């Protein structure tokens, strides 16, 4: 077992459901995609203009971080492959700034999501066979897991003061870029 303390840039995907729920409730719509920066044409849940898209909205992400603590438990380890379980608990914060408002609300709006989460993940690390000349091995990591998040969202403008709370459950999967090998360093990279 290896203790973990992480300070990360929060994945907006983990805060998005809370942000979307708050904006949807404020605009009186349900089931929209919210303020997703996930690509051109993503729906924004428009009050009077239901066909509005993210392309029509000027927004900036001003804060996106999380801090967590937990354990990495090694289940299997060979010279080239490591398999383990990661358990984390932590807090995050995401802030989206809309200087021109959204839809018919033209005042500057700030949407802030404060989250608390618990996460479990299965992690597989594969050492790369090259370059042999480096003293530290390089590896690629794949992971899949689940995150339970409790969030508090504050939507603020000159005329608006709205607070929402909720919980979300999200599954995830991903592949990390090459990094120093966990097996070579004795801890998760």
C-alpha atoms as a PDB file:
ATOM      1  CA  UNK A   1       0.000   0.000   0.000  1.00  0.00           C
ATOM      2  CA  UNK A   2       1.181   3.484  -0.867  1.00  0.00           C
ATOM      3  CA  UNK A   3      -0.397   6.644   0.565  1.00  0.00           C
ATOM      4  CA  UNK A   4      -1.409   9.279  -1.990  1.00  0.00           C
ATOM      5  CA  UNK A   5      -1.853  13.015  -1.660  1.00  0.00           C
ATOM      6  CA  UNK A   6      -2.794  14.713  -4.918  1.00  0.00           C
ATOM      7  CA  UNK A   7      -3.307  18.290  -6.012  1.00  0.00           C
ATOM      8  CA  UNK A   8      -4.779  18.222  -9.514  1.00  0.00           C
ATOM      9  CA  UNK A   9      -6.476  20.352 -12.081  1.00  0.00           C
ATOM     10  CA  UNK A  10     -10.046  19.108 -11.724  1.00  0.00           C
ATOM     11  CA  UNK A  11     -11.568  17.439 -14.759  1.00  0.00           C
ATOM     12  CA  UNK A  12     -14.473  19.720 -15.730  1.00  0.00           C
ATOM     13  CA  UNK A  13     -16.423  16.545 -16.505  1.00  0.00           C
ATOM     14  CA  UNK A  14     -16.743  15.839 -12.779  1.00  0.00           C
ATOM     15  CA  UNK A  15     -18.149  19.315 -12.027  1.00  0.00           C
ATOM     16  CA  UNK A  16     -20.292  19.615 -15.156  1.00  0.00           C
ATOM     17  CA  UNK A  17     -23.386  17.711 -13.931  1.00  0.00           C
ATOM     18  CA  UNK A  18     -23.642  19.991 -10.891  1.00  0.00           C
ATOM     19  CA  UNK A  19     -23.113  23.134 -12.984  1.00  0.00           C
ATOM     20  CA  UNK A  20     -25.667  21.976 -15.581  1.00  0.00           C
ATOM     21  CA  UNK A  21     -28.244  21.086 -12.907  1.00  0.00           C
ATOM     22  CA  UNK A  22     -27.975  24.536 -11.347  1.00  0.00           C
ATOM     23  CA  UNK A  23     -28.202  26.426 -14.654  1.00  0.00           C
ATOM     24  CA  UNK A  24     -31.108  24.200 -15.791  1.00  0.00           C
ATOM     25  CA  UNK A  25     -33.002  24.854 -12.555  1.00  0.00           C
ATOM     26  CA  UNK A  26     -32.362  28.585 -12.834  1.00  0.00           C
ATOM     27  CA  UNK A  27     -33.569  28.727 -16.450  1.00  0.00           C
ATOM     28  CA  UNK A  28     -36.544  26.481 -15.683  1.00  0.00           C
ATOM     29  CA  UNK A  29     -35.443  23.644 -17.951  1.00  0.00           C
ATOM     30  CA  UNK A  30     -34.534  20.070 -17.175  1.00  0.00           C
ATOM     31  CA  UNK A  31     -32.372  17.541 -18.945  1.00  0.00           C
ATOM     32  CA  UNK A  32     -30.094  19.996 -20.763  1.00  0.00           C
ATOM     33  CA  UNK A  33     -26.356  19.652 -21.226  1.00  0.00           C
ATOM     34  CA  UNK A  34     -25.429  22.709 -19.191  1.00  0.00           C
ATOM     35  CA  UNK A  35     -22.204  24.647 -19.596  1.00  0.00           C
ATOM     36  CA  UNK A  36     -20.235  21.902 -21.255  1.00  0.00           C
ATOM     37  CA  UNK A  37     -17.045  22.920 -23.031  1.00  0.00           C
ATOM     38  CA  UNK A  38     -17.163  19.484 -24.655  1.00  0.00           C
ATOM     39  CA  UNK A  39     -17.370  20.701 -28.232  1.00  0.00           C
ATOM     40  CA  UNK A  40     -18.930  23.027 -30.705  1.00  0.00           C
ATOM     41  CA  UNK A  41     -22.676  23.142 -30.632  1.00  0.00           C
ATOM     42  CA  UNK A  42     -23.143  21.712 -27.132  1.00  0.00           C
ATOM     43  CA  UNK A  43     -26.581  22.742 -25.894  1.00  0.00           C
ATOM     44  CA  UNK A  44     -26.741  25.303 -23.118  1.00  0.00           C
ATOM     45  CA  UNK A  45     -30.277  24.965 -21.824  1.00  0.00           C
ATOM     46  CA  UNK A  46     -31.687  28.214 -23.025  1.00  0.00           C
ATOM     47  CA  UNK A  47     -34.697  29.803 -21.271  1.00  0.00           C
ATOM     48  CA  UNK A  48     -36.216  31.881 -24.059  1.00  0.00           C
ATOM     49  CA  UNK A  49     -33.856  30.564 -26.731  1.00  0.00           C
ATOM     50  CA  UNK A  50     -33.858  26.776 -26.472  1.00  0.00           C
ATOM     51  CA  UNK A  51     -31.693  26.503 -29.598  1.00  0.00           C
ATOM     52  CA  UNK A  52     -28.790  28.498 -28.085  1.00  0.00           C
ATOM     53  CA  UNK A  53     -25.426  26.765 -28.187  1.00  0.00           C
ATOM     54  CA  UNK A  54     -22.122  27.135 -26.390  1.00  0.00           C
ATOM     55  CA  UNK A  55     -20.753  28.740 -29.545  1.00  0.00           C
ATOM     56  CA  UNK A  56     -23.033  31.699 -28.743  1.00  0.00           C
ATOM     57  CA  UNK A  57     -21.765  32.127 -25.163  1.00  0.00           C
ATOM     58  CA  UNK A  58     -18.626  33.910 -24.031  1.00  0.00           C
ATOM     59  CA  UNK A  59     -17.322  32.003 -20.996  1.00  0.00           C
ATOM     60  CA  UNK A  60     -14.060  31.372 -19.169  1.00  0.00           C
ATOM     61  CA  UNK A  61     -13.076  28.750 -16.664  1.00  0.00           C
ATOM     62  CA  UNK A  62     -11.373  30.754 -13.901  1.00  0.00           C
ATOM     63  CA  UNK A  63     -10.687  28.047 -11.342  1.00  0.00           C
ATOM     64  CA  UNK A  64     -10.497  24.295 -11.667  1.00  0.00           C
ATOM     65  CA  UNK A  65      -8.668  22.350  -8.951  1.00  0.00           C
ATOM     66  CA  UNK A  66      -9.027  19.487  -6.517  1.00  0.00           C
ATOM     67  CA  UNK A  67      -7.074  18.060  -3.620  1.00  0.00           C
ATOM     68  CA  UNK A  68      -7.384  14.469  -2.486  1.00  0.00           C
ATOM     69  CA  UNK A  69      -5.831  11.863  -0.237  1.00  0.00           C
ATOM     70  CA  UNK A  70      -6.028   8.104  -0.389  1.00  0.00           C
ATOM     71  CA  UNK A  71      -4.219   4.835  -1.039  1.00  0.00           C
ATOM     72  CA  UNK A  72      -2.799   2.932  -3.994  1.00  0.00           C
ATOM     73  CA  UNK A  73      -2.935  -0.787  -3.298  1.00  0.00           C
ATOM     74  CA  UNK A  74      -0.706  -2.984  -5.486  1.00  0.00           C
ATOM     75  CA  UNK A  75      -2.497  -6.246  -6.294  1.00  0.00           C
ATOM     76  CA  UNK A  76      -0.041  -7.687  -8.841  1.00  0.00           C
ATOM     77  CA  UNK A  77       3.408  -6.604  -9.970  1.00  0.00           C
ATOM     78  CA  UNK A  78       5.880  -8.008 -12.490  1.00  0.00           C
ATOM     79  CA  UNK A  79       8.938  -6.482 -14.179  1.00  0.00           C
ATOM     80  CA  UNK A  80       6.801  -4.769 -16.829  1.00  0.00           C
ATOM     81  CA  UNK A  81       3.228  -4.621 -15.525  1.00  0.00           C
ATOM     82  CA  UNK A  82       1.563  -3.421 -12.329  1.00  0.00           C
ATOM     83  CA  UNK A  83      -2.095  -3.839 -11.420  1.00  0.00           C
ATOM     84  CA  UNK A  84      -3.591  -1.950  -8.501  1.00  0.00           C
ATOM     85  CA  UNK A  85      -6.559  -0.301  -6.859  1.00  0.00           C
ATOM     86  CA  UNK A  86      -6.735   3.396  -6.060  1.00  0.00           C
ATOM     87  CA  UNK A  87      -9.003   4.811  -3.344  1.00  0.00           C
ATOM     88  CA  UNK A  88      -9.329   8.589  -3.009  1.00  0.00           C
ATOM     89  CA  UNK A  89     -11.418  11.122  -1.116  1.00  0.00           C
ATOM     90  CA  UNK A  90     -11.167  14.830  -1.668  1.00  0.00           C
ATOM     91  CA  UNK A  91     -12.570  18.245  -2.482  1.00  0.00           C
ATOM     92  CA  UNK A  92     -12.717  20.236  -5.689  1.00  0.00           C
ATOM     93  CA  UNK A  93     -13.703  23.652  -6.968  1.00  0.00           C
ATOM     94  CA  UNK A  94     -14.743  24.811 -10.432  1.00  0.00           C
ATOM     95  CA  UNK A  95     -15.658  28.366 -11.367  1.00  0.00           C
ATOM     96  CA  UNK A  96     -17.144  29.388 -14.718  1.00  0.00           C
ATOM     97  CA  UNK A  97     -17.332  33.089 -15.566  1.00  0.00           C
ATOM     98  CA  UNK A  98     -19.842  34.351 -18.158  1.00  0.00           C
ATOM     99  CA  UNK A  99     -19.018  38.052 -18.735  1.00  0.00           C
ATOM    100  CA  UNK A 100     -21.999  38.527 -21.086  1.00  0.00           C
ATOM    101  CA  UNK A 101     -24.460  36.343 -19.153  1.00  0.00           C
ATOM    102  CA  UNK A 102     -26.401  33.524 -20.779  1.00  0.00           C
ATOM    103  CA  UNK A 103     -29.433  33.651 -23.041  1.00  0.00           C
ATOM    104  CA  UNK A 104     -31.805  36.493 -22.010  1.00  0.00           C
ATOM    105  CA  UNK A 105     -29.829  37.180 -18.786  1.00  0.00           C
ATOM    106  CA  UNK A 106     -27.204  39.692 -19.943  1.00  0.00           C
ATOM    107  CA  UNK A 107     -25.579  40.516 -16.598  1.00  0.00           C
ATOM    108  CA  UNK A 108     -22.192  39.002 -15.812  1.00  0.00           C
ATOM    109  CA  UNK A 109     -22.726  35.587 -14.173  1.00  0.00           C
ATOM    110  CA  UNK A 110     -20.342  33.501 -12.072  1.00  0.00           C
ATOM    111  CA  UNK A 111     -21.160  29.834 -11.454  1.00  0.00           C
ATOM    112  CA  UNK A 112     -19.090  28.123  -8.741  1.00  0.00           C
ATOM    113  CA  UNK A 113     -19.235  24.418  -7.903  1.00  0.00           C
ATOM    114  CA  UNK A 114     -17.632  23.149  -4.692  1.00  0.00           C
ATOM    115  CA  UNK A 115     -17.452  19.368  -4.621  1.00  0.00           C
ATOM    116  CA  UNK A 116     -16.587  16.585  -2.192  1.00  0.00           C
ATOM    117  CA  UNK A 117     -15.927  13.180  -3.658  1.00  0.00           C
ATOM    118  CA  UNK A 118     -14.982   9.566  -3.083  1.00  0.00           C
ATOM    119  CA  UNK A 119     -13.370   7.659  -5.930  1.00  0.00           C
ATOM    120  CA  UNK A 120     -12.326   4.073  -6.611  1.00  0.00           C
ATOM    121  CA  UNK A 121     -10.307   3.012  -9.654  1.00  0.00           C
ATOM    122  CA  UNK A 122      -8.600  -0.023 -11.135  1.00  0.00           C
ATOM    123  CA  UNK A 123      -5.183   0.991 -12.484  1.00  0.00           C
ATOM    124  CA  UNK A 124      -2.981  -0.973 -14.896  1.00  0.00           C
ATOM    125  CA  UNK A 125       0.497   0.272 -15.704  1.00  0.00           C
ATOM    126  CA  UNK A 126       2.566  -1.139 -18.562  1.00  0.00           C
ATOM    127  CA  UNK A 127       6.277  -0.322 -18.719  1.00  0.00           C
ATOM    128  CA  UNK A 128       7.538   0.674 -22.159  1.00  0.00           C
ATOM    129  CA  UNK A 129      10.385  -1.423 -23.597  1.00  0.00           C
ATOM    130  CA  UNK A 130      12.267   1.691 -24.669  1.00  0.00           C
ATOM    131  CA  UNK A 131      14.441   3.637 -24.244  1.00  0.00           C
ATOM    132  CA  UNK A 132      16.826   1.284 -22.489  1.00  0.00           C
ATOM    133  CA  UNK A 133      19.412   4.036 -21.924  1.00  0.00           C
ATOM    134  CA  UNK A 134      17.245   5.936 -19.441  1.00  0.00           C
ATOM    135  CA  UNK A 135      17.843   5.214 -15.773  1.00  0.00           C
ATOM    136  CA  UNK A 136      14.091   5.559 -15.009  1.00  0.00           C
ATOM    137  CA  UNK A 137      11.642   3.381 -16.895  1.00  0.00           C
ATOM    138  CA  UNK A 138       8.750   4.963 -18.726  1.00  0.00           C
ATOM    139  CA  UNK A 139       5.228   3.567 -18.524  1.00  0.00           C
ATOM    140  CA  UNK A 140       1.694   4.083 -19.793  1.00  0.00           C
ATOM    141  CA  UNK A 141      -1.222   3.843 -17.349  1.00  0.00           C
ATOM    142  CA  UNK A 142      -4.821   2.853 -18.068  1.00  0.00           C
ATOM    143  CA  UNK A 143      -7.541   3.256 -15.463  1.00  0.00           C
ATOM    144  CA  UNK A 144     -11.244   2.826 -15.014  1.00  0.00           C
ATOM    145  CA  UNK A 145     -13.278   3.717 -11.978  1.00  0.00           C
ATOM    146  CA  UNK A 146     -16.229   5.411 -10.363  1.00  0.00           C
ATOM    147  CA  UNK A 147     -16.643   8.733  -8.549  1.00  0.00           C
ATOM    148  CA  UNK A 148     -19.434   9.712  -6.148  1.00  0.00           C
ATOM    149  CA  UNK A 149     -19.658  13.513  -5.841  1.00  0.00           C
ATOM    150  CA  UNK A 150     -21.661  15.764  -3.551  1.00  0.00           C
ATOM    151  CA  UNK A 151     -21.764  19.330  -4.810  1.00  0.00           C
ATOM    152  CA  UNK A 152     -22.831  22.824  -3.809  1.00  0.00           C
ATOM    153  CA  UNK A 153     -23.315  25.216  -6.737  1.00  0.00           C
ATOM    154  CA  UNK A 154     -23.620  28.988  -6.355  1.00  0.00           C
ATOM    155  CA  UNK A 155     -24.929  31.005  -9.296  1.00  0.00           C
ATOM    156  CA  UNK A 156     -24.268  34.745  -8.861  1.00  0.00           C
ATOM    157  CA  UNK A 157     -24.884  37.950 -10.811  1.00  0.00           C
ATOM    158  CA  UNK A 158     -26.029  41.490  -9.995  1.00  0.00           C
ATOM    159  CA  UNK A 159     -29.647  40.239  -9.848  1.00  0.00           C
ATOM    160  CA  UNK A 160     -29.257  36.517  -9.136  1.00  0.00           C
ATOM    161  CA  UNK A 161     -28.323  34.628  -5.994  1.00  0.00           C
ATOM    162  CA  UNK A 162     -29.092  30.927  -6.344  1.00  0.00           C
ATOM    163  CA  UNK A 163     -27.647  27.943  -4.453  1.00  0.00           C
ATOM    164  CA  UNK A 164     -28.197  24.279  -5.318  1.00  0.00           C
ATOM    165  CA  UNK A 165     -26.898  21.031  -3.852  1.00  0.00           C
ATOM    166  CA  UNK A 166     -26.932  17.539  -5.277  1.00  0.00           C
ATOM    167  CA  UNK A 167     -25.076  14.279  -5.771  1.00  0.00           C
ATOM    168  CA  UNK A 168     -23.727  12.649  -8.916  1.00  0.00           C
ATOM    169  CA  UNK A 169     -22.287   9.240  -9.722  1.00  0.00           C
ATOM    170  CA  UNK A 170     -19.916   9.068 -12.670  1.00  0.00           C
ATOM    171  CA  UNK A 171     -17.907   6.238 -14.182  1.00  0.00           C
ATOM    172  CA  UNK A 172     -14.679   7.053 -16.030  1.00  0.00           C
ATOM    173  CA  UNK A 173     -11.914   5.425 -18.059  1.00  0.00           C
ATOM    174  CA  UNK A 174      -8.712   6.823 -19.485  1.00  0.00           C
ATOM    175  CA  UNK A 175      -5.132   6.338 -20.567  1.00  0.00           C
ATOM    176  CA  UNK A 176      -2.336   8.484 -19.187  1.00  0.00           C
ATOM    177  CA  UNK A 177       0.674   9.608 -21.185  1.00  0.00           C
ATOM    178  CA  UNK A 178       4.113   8.131 -20.669  1.00  0.00           C
ATOM    179  CA  UNK A 179       5.498   8.848 -17.198  1.00  0.00           C
ATOM    180  CA  UNK A 180       8.000   7.433 -14.718  1.00  0.00           C
ATOM    181  CA  UNK A 181       7.055   3.856 -13.942  1.00  0.00           C
ATOM    182  CA  UNK A 182       5.201   3.170 -10.697  1.00  0.00           C
ATOM    183  CA  UNK A 183       7.090  -0.120 -10.280  1.00  0.00           C
ATOM    184  CA  UNK A 184      10.439   1.638 -10.814  1.00  0.00           C
ATOM    185  CA  UNK A 185       9.779   4.454  -8.353  1.00  0.00           C
ATOM    186  CA  UNK A 186       7.857   2.491  -5.754  1.00  0.00           C
ATOM    187  CA  UNK A 187       4.826   4.783  -5.910  1.00  0.00           C
ATOM    188  CA  UNK A 188       2.176   6.026  -8.296  1.00  0.00           C
ATOM    189  CA  UNK A 189       3.452   8.615 -10.719  1.00  0.00           C
END
